[in-house]
Amino acid sequence: MNKAELVASMAEKSGLTKKDAEAALNAFIKSVEEALVKDDKVQLVGFGTFDVRERKARQGRNPRNPEQVIDIPASKAPVFKAGKALKDIVNA
């Protein structure tokens, strides 16, 4: 399902127009992005949790030249952990 299909599905289920559903989806995405930038966690009970995890600096290697070591800097990675209710629905 791509964004356009998701917007159409949201509009159908909520009774909103596609334009309003797209605005709601965009607002949701922007709100989650802003929270993650601030290192906040977004918890939707029964659905899941959006969070940011720290990745430590490490060394890697170039697959083309295995002897060459590459320094990979520390970074932050957004993650999503599915909630129990969502897992149960998917596995049913």
PDB file of N, CA and C in Angstrom:
ATOM      1  N   MET A   1       0.863  -1.177   0.000  1.00  0.00           N
ATOM      2  CA  MET A   1       0.000   0.000   0.000  1.00  0.00           C
ATOM      3  C   MET A   1       0.904   1.233   0.000  1.00  0.00           C
ATOM      4  N   ASN A   2       0.678   2.107  -0.946  1.00  0.00           N
ATOM      5  CA  ASN A   2       1.442   3.346  -0.984  1.00  0.00           C
ATOM      6  C   ASN A   2       0.642   4.467  -0.311  1.00  0.00           C
ATOM      7  N   LYS A   3       1.194   5.666  -0.299  1.00  0.00           N
ATOM      8  CA  LYS A   3       0.561   6.772   0.408  1.00  0.00           C
ATOM      9  C   LYS A   3      -0.818   7.106  -0.177  1.00  0.00           C
ATOM     10  N   ALA A   4      -0.945   7.119  -1.494  1.00  0.00           N
ATOM     11  CA  ALA A   4      -2.223   7.443  -2.133  1.00  0.00           C
ATOM     12  C   ALA A   4      -3.293   6.417  -1.759  1.00  0.00           C
ATOM     13  N   GLU A   5      -2.916   5.134  -1.741  1.00  0.00           N
ATOM     14  CA  GLU A   5      -3.868   4.088  -1.357  1.00  0.00           C
ATOM     15  C   GLU A   5      -4.244   4.201   0.122  1.00  0.00           C
ATOM     16  N   LEU A   6      -3.272   4.568   0.959  1.00  0.00           N
ATOM     17  CA  LEU A   6      -3.554   4.758   2.383  1.00  0.00           C
ATOM     18  C   LEU A   6      -4.510   5.926   2.590  1.00  0.00           C
ATOM     19  N   VAL A   7      -4.285   7.020   1.888  1.00  0.00           N
ATOM     20  CA  VAL A   7      -5.173   8.185   1.984  1.00  0.00           C
ATOM     21  C   VAL A   7      -6.587   7.806   1.553  1.00  0.00           C
ATOM     22  N   ALA A   8      -6.721   7.074   0.464  1.00  0.00           N
ATOM     23  CA  ALA A   8      -8.038   6.648  -0.014  1.00  0.00           C
ATOM     24  C   ALA A   8      -8.722   5.753   1.015  1.00  0.00           C
ATOM     25  N   SER A   9      -7.979   4.850   1.622  1.00  0.00           N
ATOM     26  CA  SER A   9      -8.539   3.956   2.635  1.00  0.00           C
ATOM     27  C   SER A   9      -8.977   4.736   3.877  1.00  0.00           C
ATOM     28  N   MET A  10      -8.141   5.694   4.285  1.00  0.00           N
ATOM     29  CA  MET A  10      -8.490   6.521   5.450  1.00  0.00           C
ATOM     30  C   MET A  10      -9.743   7.333   5.165  1.00  0.00           C
ATOM     31  N   ALA A  11      -9.845   7.889   3.970  1.00  0.00           N
ATOM     32  CA  ALA A  11     -11.011   8.694   3.605  1.00  0.00           C
ATOM     33  C   ALA A  11     -12.275   7.848   3.618  1.00  0.00           C
ATOM     34  N   GLU A  12     -12.177   6.643   3.094  1.00  0.00           N
ATOM     35  CA  GLU A  12     -13.337   5.749   3.045  1.00  0.00           C
ATOM     36  C   GLU A  12     -13.801   5.345   4.448  1.00  0.00           C
ATOM     37  N   LYS A  13     -12.847   5.014   5.315  1.00  0.00           N
ATOM     38  CA  LYS A  13     -13.191   4.528   6.653  1.00  0.00           C
ATOM     39  C   LYS A  13     -13.646   5.646   7.595  1.00  0.00           C
ATOM     40  N   SER A  14     -13.157   6.874   7.366  1.00  0.00           N
ATOM     41  CA  SER A  14     -13.474   7.966   8.277  1.00  0.00           C
ATOM     42  C   SER A  14     -14.597   8.878   7.788  1.00  0.00           C
ATOM     43  N   GLY A  15     -14.929   8.784   6.513  1.00  0.00           N
ATOM     44  CA  GLY A  15     -15.955   9.672   5.973  1.00  0.00           C
ATOM     45  C   GLY A  15     -15.407  11.038   5.593  1.00  0.00           C
ATOM     46  N   LEU A  16     -14.094  11.197   5.666  1.00  0.00           N
ATOM     47  CA  LEU A  16     -13.477  12.457   5.267  1.00  0.00           C
ATOM     48  C   LEU A  16     -13.264  12.458   3.753  1.00  0.00           C
ATOM     49  N   THR A  17     -13.019  13.646   3.213  1.00  0.00           N
ATOM     50  CA  THR A  17     -12.634  13.714   1.805  1.00  0.00           C
ATOM     51  C   THR A  17     -11.183  13.254   1.699  1.00  0.00           C
ATOM     52  N   LYS A  18     -10.773  12.909   0.493  1.00  0.00           N
ATOM     53  CA  LYS A  18      -9.388  12.483   0.304  1.00  0.00           C
ATOM     54  C   LYS A  18      -8.425  13.614   0.672  1.00  0.00           C
ATOM     55  N   LYS A  19      -8.813  14.850   0.367  1.00  0.00           N
ATOM     56  CA  LYS A  19      -7.967  15.996   0.684  1.00  0.00           C
ATOM     57  C   LYS A  19      -7.797  16.136   2.194  1.00  0.00           C
ATOM     58  N   ASP A  20      -8.891  15.981   2.959  1.00  0.00           N
ATOM     59  CA  ASP A  20      -8.815  16.076   4.418  1.00  0.00           C
ATOM     60  C   ASP A  20      -8.046  14.902   5.012  1.00  0.00           C
ATOM     61  N   ALA A  21      -8.229  13.710   4.446  1.00  0.00           N
ATOM     62  CA  ALA A  21      -7.509  12.529   4.928  1.00  0.00           C
ATOM     63  C   ALA A  21      -6.012  12.688   4.678  1.00  0.00           C
ATOM     64  N   GLU A  22      -5.656  13.242   3.524  1.00  0.00           N
ATOM     65  CA  GLU A  22      -4.243  13.465   3.237  1.00  0.00           C
ATOM     66  C   GLU A  22      -3.657  14.498   4.180  1.00  0.00           C
ATOM     67  N   ALA A  23      -4.409  15.550   4.483  1.00  0.00           N
ATOM     68  CA  ALA A  23      -3.946  16.567   5.421  1.00  0.00           C
ATOM     69  C   ALA A  23      -3.746  15.956   6.812  1.00  0.00           C
ATOM     70  N   ALA A  24      -4.655  15.073   7.233  1.00  0.00           N
ATOM     71  CA  ALA A  24      -4.541  14.419   8.535  1.00  0.00           C
ATOM     72  C   ALA A  24      -3.311  13.504   8.568  1.00  0.00           C
ATOM     73  N   LEU A  25      -3.091  12.751   7.496  1.00  0.00           N
ATOM     74  CA  LEU A  25      -1.933  11.862   7.429  1.00  0.00           C
ATOM     75  C   LEU A  25      -0.633  12.661   7.448  1.00  0.00           C
ATOM     76  N   ASN A  26      -0.583  13.740   6.675  1.00  0.00           N
ATOM     77  CA  ASN A  26       0.612  14.586   6.647  1.00  0.00           C
ATOM     78  C   ASN A  26       0.883  15.201   8.018  1.00  0.00           C
ATOM     79  N   ALA A  27      -0.183  15.618   8.719  1.00  0.00           N
ATOM     80  CA  ALA A  27      -0.031  16.184  10.062  1.00  0.00           C
ATOM     81  C   ALA A  27       0.497  15.128  11.030  1.00  0.00           C
ATOM     82  N   PHE A  28       0.003  13.900  10.915  1.00  0.00           N
ATOM     83  CA  PHE A  28       0.479  12.809  11.761  1.00  0.00           C
ATOM     84  C   PHE A  28       1.963  12.554  11.520  1.00  0.00           C
ATOM     85  N   ILE A  29       2.347  12.450  10.252  1.00  0.00           N
ATOM     86  CA  ILE A  29       3.739  12.181   9.908  1.00  0.00           C
ATOM     87  C   ILE A  29       4.639  13.300  10.418  1.00  0.00           C
ATOM     88  N   LYS A  30       4.228  14.544  10.221  1.00  0.00           N
ATOM     89  CA  LYS A  30       5.028  15.695  10.658  1.00  0.00           C
ATOM     90  C   LYS A  30       5.159  15.708  12.175  1.00  0.00           C
ATOM     91  N   SER A  31       4.080  15.372  12.888  1.00  0.00           N
ATOM     92  CA  SER A  31       4.119  15.347  14.352  1.00  0.00           C
ATOM     93  C   SER A  31       5.070  14.273  14.860  1.00  0.00           C
ATOM     94  N   VAL A  32       5.050  13.107  14.242  1.00  0.00           N
ATOM     95  CA  VAL A  32       5.955  12.027  14.638  1.00  0.00           C
ATOM     96  C   VAL A  32       7.403  12.436  14.349  1.00  0.00           C
ATOM     97  N   GLU A  33       7.645  13.026  13.191  1.00  0.00           N
ATOM     98  CA  GLU A  33       8.997  13.479  12.840  1.00  0.00           C
ATOM     99  C   GLU A  33       9.520  14.477  13.862  1.00  0.00           C
ATOM    100  N   GLU A  34       8.696  15.468  14.222  1.00  0.00           N
ATOM    101  CA  GLU A  34       9.110  16.498  15.177  1.00  0.00           C
ATOM    102  C   GLU A  34       9.402  15.900  16.548  1.00  0.00           C
ATOM    103  N   ALA A  35       8.591  14.942  16.975  1.00  0.00           N
ATOM    104  CA  ALA A  35       8.815  14.294  18.271  1.00  0.00           C
ATOM    105  C   ALA A  35      10.123  13.507  18.254  1.00  0.00           C
ATOM    106  N   LEU A  36      10.392  12.789  17.174  1.00  0.00           N
ATOM    107  CA  LEU A  36      11.616  11.995  17.100  1.00  0.00           C
ATOM    108  C   LEU A  36      12.858  12.873  17.031  1.00  0.00           C
ATOM    109  N   VAL A  37      12.762  14.017  16.373  1.00  0.00           N
ATOM    110  CA  VAL A  37      13.884  14.951  16.323  1.00  0.00           C
ATOM    111  C   VAL A  37      14.224  15.436  17.733  1.00  0.00           C
ATOM    112  N   LYS A  38      13.214  15.598  18.579  1.00  0.00           N
ATOM    113  CA  LYS A  38      13.408  16.038  19.967  1.00  0.00           C
ATOM    114  C   LYS A  38      13.764  14.875  20.892  1.00  0.00           C
ATOM    115  N   ASP A  39      14.002  13.682  20.329  1.00  0.00           N
ATOM    116  CA  ASP A  39      14.297  12.460  21.092  1.00  0.00           C
ATOM    117  C   ASP A  39      13.135  12.034  21.979  1.00  0.00           C
ATOM    118  N   ASP A  40      11.925  12.399  21.613  1.00  0.00           N
ATOM    119  CA  ASP A  40      10.728  11.941  22.320  1.00  0.00           C
ATOM    120  C   ASP A  40      10.285  10.615  21.722  1.00  0.00           C
ATOM    121  N   LYS A  41       9.475   9.903  22.481  1.00  0.00           N
ATOM    122  CA  LYS A  41       8.916   8.631  22.045  1.00  0.00           C
ATOM    123  C   LYS A  41       7.439   8.864  21.742  1.00  0.00           C
ATOM    124  N   VAL A  42       6.927   8.270  20.675  1.00  0.00           N
ATOM    125  CA  VAL A  42       5.507   8.363  20.334  1.00  0.00           C
ATOM    126  C   VAL A  42       4.899   6.982  20.547  1.00  0.00           C
ATOM    127  N   GLN A  43       4.030   6.870  21.566  1.00  0.00           N
ATOM    128  CA  GLN A  43       3.398   5.593  21.886  1.00  0.00           C
ATOM    129  C   GLN A  43       1.928   5.636  21.520  1.00  0.00           C
ATOM    130  N   LEU A  44       1.500   4.683  20.709  1.00  0.00           N
ATOM    131  CA  LEU A  44       0.102   4.522  20.356  1.00  0.00           C
ATOM    132  C   LEU A  44      -0.313   3.162  20.922  1.00  0.00           C
ATOM    133  N   VAL A  45      -0.985   3.178  22.067  1.00  0.00           N
ATOM    134  CA  VAL A  45      -1.319   1.955  22.782  1.00  0.00           C
ATOM    135  C   VAL A  45      -2.089   1.004  21.867  1.00  0.00           C
ATOM    136  N   GLY A  46      -1.617  -0.231  21.804  1.00  0.00           N
ATOM    137  CA  GLY A  46      -2.237  -1.239  20.963  1.00  0.00           C
ATOM    138  C   GLY A  46      -1.702  -1.257  19.542  1.00  0.00           C
ATOM    139  N   PHE A  47      -1.089  -0.178  19.103  1.00  0.00           N
ATOM    140  CA  PHE A  47      -0.547  -0.117  17.738  1.00  0.00           C
ATOM    141  C   PHE A  47       0.959  -0.287  17.752  1.00  0.00           C
ATOM    142  N   GLY A  48       1.659   0.597  18.459  1.00  0.00           N
ATOM    143  CA  GLY A  48       3.107   0.478  18.519  1.00  0.00           C
ATOM    144  C   GLY A  48       3.768   1.747  19.001  1.00  0.00           C
ATOM    145  N   THR A  49       5.099   1.731  18.967  1.00  0.00           N
ATOM    146  CA  THR A  49       5.891   2.835  19.479  1.00  0.00           C
ATOM    147  C   THR A  49       6.935   3.251  18.450  1.00  0.00           C
ATOM    148  N   PHE A  50       6.996   4.555  18.195  1.00  0.00           N
ATOM    149  CA  PHE A  50       8.044   5.141  17.366  1.00  0.00           C
ATOM    150  C   PHE A  50       9.098   5.680  18.326  1.00  0.00           C
ATOM    151  N   ASP A  51      10.362   5.369  18.087  1.00  0.00           N
ATOM    152  CA  ASP A  51      11.416   5.766  19.001  1.00  0.00           C
ATOM    153  C   ASP A  51      12.694   6.031  18.203  1.00  0.00           C
ATOM    154  N   VAL A  52      13.705   6.586  18.872  1.00  0.00           N
ATOM    155  CA  VAL A  52      15.000   6.825  18.258  1.00  0.00           C
ATOM    156  C   VAL A  52      16.031   6.016  19.032  1.00  0.00           C
ATOM    157  N   ARG A  53      16.861   5.272  18.315  1.00  0.00           N
ATOM    158  CA  ARG A  53      17.930   4.502  18.950  1.00  0.00           C
ATOM    159  C   ARG A  53      19.273   5.057  18.500  1.00  0.00           C
ATOM    160  N   GLU A  54      20.187   5.067  19.445  1.00  0.00           N
ATOM    161  CA  GLU A  54      21.555   5.524  19.176  1.00  0.00           C
ATOM    162  C   GLU A  54      22.362   4.364  18.606  1.00  0.00           C
ATOM    163  N   ARG A  55      23.098   4.632  17.572  1.00  0.00           N
ATOM    164  CA  ARG A  55      24.037   3.652  17.021  1.00  0.00           C
ATOM    165  C   ARG A  55      25.442   4.140  17.340  1.00  0.00           C
ATOM    166  N   LYS A  56      26.246   3.279  17.936  1.00  0.00           N
ATOM    167  CA  LYS A  56      27.608   3.647  18.300  1.00  0.00           C
ATOM    168  C   LYS A  56      28.487   3.701  17.054  1.00  0.00           C
ATOM    169  N   ALA A  57      29.564   4.457  17.167  1.00  0.00           N
ATOM    170  CA  ALA A  57      30.557   4.482  16.096  1.00  0.00           C
ATOM    171  C   ALA A  57      31.207   3.108  16.036  1.00  0.00           C
ATOM    172  N   ARG A  58      31.525   2.674  14.833  1.00  0.00           N
ATOM    173  CA  ARG A  58      32.118   1.351  14.681  1.00  0.00           C
ATOM    174  C   ARG A  58      32.971   1.319  13.424  1.00  0.00           C
ATOM    175  N   GLN A  59      33.662   0.221  13.258  1.00  0.00           N
ATOM    176  CA  GLN A  59      34.462   0.056  12.060  1.00  0.00           C
ATOM    177  C   GLN A  59      33.800  -0.984  11.169  1.00  0.00           C
ATOM    178  N   GLY A  60      33.839  -0.744   9.876  1.00  0.00           N
ATOM    179  CA  GLY A  60      33.288  -1.673   8.904  1.00  0.00           C
ATOM    180  C   GLY A  60      34.347  -1.964   7.861  1.00  0.00           C
ATOM    181  N   ARG A  61      33.967  -2.728   6.870  1.00  0.00           N
ATOM    182  CA  ARG A  61      34.911  -3.020   5.795  1.00  0.00           C
ATOM    183  C   ARG A  61      34.217  -2.871   4.462  1.00  0.00           C
ATOM    184  N   ASN A  62      34.990  -2.552   3.486  1.00  0.00           N
ATOM    185  CA  ASN A  62      34.504  -2.406   2.123  1.00  0.00           C
ATOM    186  C   ASN A  62      34.431  -3.804   1.504  1.00  0.00           C
ATOM    187  N   PRO A  63      33.248  -4.258   1.049  1.00  0.00           N
ATOM    188  CA  PRO A  63      33.146  -5.597   0.471  1.00  0.00           C
ATOM    189  C   PRO A  63      34.034  -5.797  -0.760  1.00  0.00           C
ATOM    190  N   ARG A  64      34.338  -4.749  -1.486  1.00  0.00           N
ATOM    191  CA  ARG A  64      35.185  -4.872  -2.675  1.00  0.00           C
ATOM    192  C   ARG A  64      36.653  -5.051  -2.307  1.00  0.00           C
ATOM    193  N   ASN A  65      37.019  -4.491  -1.158  1.00  0.00           N
ATOM    194  CA  ASN A  65      38.401  -4.595  -0.700  1.00  0.00           C
ATOM    195  C   ASN A  65      38.359  -4.927   0.790  1.00  0.00           C
ATOM    196  N   PRO A  66      38.220  -6.195   1.163  1.00  0.00           N
ATOM    197  CA  PRO A  66      38.017  -6.594   2.558  1.00  0.00           C
ATOM    198  C   PRO A  66      39.104  -6.120   3.524  1.00  0.00           C
ATOM    199  N   GLU A  67      40.306  -5.837   3.020  1.00  0.00           N
ATOM    200  CA  GLU A  67      41.367  -5.394   3.911  1.00  0.00           C
ATOM    201  C   GLU A  67      41.184  -3.943   4.348  1.00  0.00           C
ATOM    202  N   GLN A  68      40.449  -3.171   3.560  1.00  0.00           N
ATOM    203  CA  GLN A  68      40.269  -1.756   3.853  1.00  0.00           C
ATOM    204  C   GLN A  68      39.221  -1.563   4.947  1.00  0.00           C
ATOM    205  N   VAL A  69      39.612  -0.906   6.040  1.00  0.00           N
ATOM    206  CA  VAL A  69      38.713  -0.661   7.168  1.00  0.00           C
ATOM    207  C   VAL A  69      38.127   0.741   7.029  1.00  0.00           C
ATOM    208  N   ILE A  70      36.820   0.855   7.265  1.00  0.00           N
ATOM    209  CA  ILE A  70      36.115   2.125   7.145  1.00  0.00           C
ATOM    210  C   ILE A  70      35.579   2.492   8.522  1.00  0.00           C
ATOM    211  N   ASP A  71      35.755   3.740   8.932  1.00  0.00           N
ATOM    212  CA  ASP A  71      35.179   4.216  10.185  1.00  0.00           C
ATOM    213  C   ASP A  71      33.756   4.681   9.927  1.00  0.00           C
ATOM    214  N   ILE A  72      32.803   4.101  10.646  1.00  0.00           N
ATOM    215  CA  ILE A  72      31.396   4.468  10.518  1.00  0.00           C
ATOM    216  C   ILE A  72      31.039   5.306  11.737  1.00  0.00           C
ATOM    217  N   PRO A  73      30.628   6.563  11.539  1.00  0.00           N
ATOM    218  CA  PRO A  73      30.355   7.428  12.686  1.00  0.00           C
ATOM    219  C   PRO A  73      29.080   7.027  13.430  1.00  0.00           C
ATOM    220  N   ALA A  74      28.957   7.498  14.671  1.00  0.00           N
ATOM    221  CA  ALA A  74      27.753   7.271  15.466  1.00  0.00           C
ATOM    222  C   ALA A  74      26.582   7.990  14.792  1.00  0.00           C
ATOM    223  N   SER A  75      25.383   7.436  14.952  1.00  0.00           N
ATOM    224  CA  SER A  75      24.202   8.058  14.355  1.00  0.00           C
ATOM    225  C   SER A  75      22.961   7.686  15.155  1.00  0.00           C
ATOM    226  N   LYS A  76      21.868   8.298  14.795  1.00  0.00           N
ATOM    227  CA  LYS A  76      20.571   7.988  15.396  1.00  0.00           C
ATOM    228  C   LYS A  76      19.713   7.329  14.327  1.00  0.00           C
ATOM    229  N   ALA A  77      18.910   6.339  14.741  1.00  0.00           N
ATOM    230  CA  ALA A  77      18.062   5.639  13.779  1.00  0.00           C
ATOM    231  C   ALA A  77      16.633   5.581  14.302  1.00  0.00           C
ATOM    232  N   PRO A  78      15.647   6.016  13.503  1.00  0.00           N
ATOM    233  CA  PRO A  78      14.261   5.876  13.924  1.00  0.00           C
ATOM    234  C   PRO A  78      13.843   4.407  13.845  1.00  0.00           C
ATOM    235  N   VAL A  79      13.082   3.959  14.850  1.00  0.00           N
ATOM    236  CA  VAL A  79      12.613   2.575  14.881  1.00  0.00           C
ATOM    237  C   VAL A  79      11.130   2.542  15.235  1.00  0.00           C
ATOM    238  N   PHE A  80      10.468   1.473  14.809  1.00  0.00           N
ATOM    239  CA  PHE A  80       9.074   1.247  15.164  1.00  0.00           C
ATOM    240  C   PHE A  80       8.972  -0.130  15.781  1.00  0.00           C
ATOM    241  N   LYS A  81       8.352  -0.204  16.946  1.00  0.00           N
ATOM    242  CA  LYS A  81       8.127  -1.491  17.592  1.00  0.00           C
ATOM    243  C   LYS A  81       6.622  -1.711  17.659  1.00  0.00           C
ATOM    244  N   ALA A  82       6.154  -2.767  17.032  1.00  0.00           N
ATOM    245  CA  ALA A  82       4.724  -3.065  16.987  1.00  0.00           C
ATOM    246  C   ALA A  82       4.214  -3.426  18.377  1.00  0.00           C
ATOM    247  N   GLY A  83       3.002  -2.985  18.698  1.00  0.00           N
ATOM    248  CA  GLY A  83       2.366  -3.315  19.961  1.00  0.00           C
ATOM    249  C   GLY A  83       1.734  -4.701  19.914  1.00  0.00           C
ATOM    250  N   LYS A  84       1.356  -5.193  21.082  1.00  0.00           N
ATOM    251  CA  LYS A  84       0.809  -6.538  21.184  1.00  0.00           C
ATOM    252  C   LYS A  84      -0.464  -6.704  20.352  1.00  0.00           C
ATOM    253  N   ALA A  85      -1.360  -5.735  20.418  1.00  0.00           N
ATOM    254  CA  ALA A  85      -2.628  -5.846  19.676  1.00  0.00           C
ATOM    255  C   ALA A  85      -2.379  -5.939  18.175  1.00  0.00           C
ATOM    256  N   LEU A  86      -1.454  -5.141  17.659  1.00  0.00           N
ATOM    257  CA  LEU A  86      -1.124  -5.170  16.234  1.00  0.00           C
ATOM    258  C   LEU A  86      -0.497  -6.521  15.859  1.00  0.00           C
ATOM    259  N   LYS A  87       0.392  -7.014  16.700  1.00  0.00           N
ATOM    260  CA  LYS A  87       0.998  -8.330  16.441  1.00  0.00           C
ATOM    261  C   LYS A  87      -0.045  -9.419  16.418  1.00  0.00           C
ATOM    262  N   ASP A  88      -0.995  -9.362  17.354  1.00  0.00           N
ATOM    263  CA  ASP A  88      -2.057 -10.367  17.415  1.00  0.00           C
ATOM    264  C   ASP A  88      -2.927 -10.358  16.161  1.00  0.00           C
ATOM    265  N   ILE A  89      -3.256  -9.159  15.669  1.00  0.00           N
ATOM    266  CA  ILE A  89      -4.094  -9.028  14.469  1.00  0.00           C
ATOM    267  C   ILE A  89      -3.355  -9.590  13.254  1.00  0.00           C
ATOM    268  N   VAL A  90      -2.064  -9.261  13.133  1.00  0.00           N
ATOM    269  CA  VAL A  90      -1.283  -9.725  11.987  1.00  0.00           C
ATOM    270  C   VAL A  90      -1.127 -11.252  12.019  1.00  0.00           C
ATOM    271  N   ASN A  91      -0.964 -11.812  13.200  1.00  0.00           N
ATOM    272  CA  ASN A  91      -0.740 -13.247  13.324  1.00  0.00           C
ATOM    273  C   ASN A  91      -2.031 -14.079  13.382  1.00  0.00           C
ATOM    274  N   ALA A  92      -3.178 -13.427  13.390  1.00  0.00           N
ATOM    275  CA  ALA A  92      -4.449 -14.165  13.471  1.00  0.00           C
ATOM    276  C   ALA A  92      -4.811 -14.790  12.143  1.00  0.00           C
TER     277      ALA A  92
END
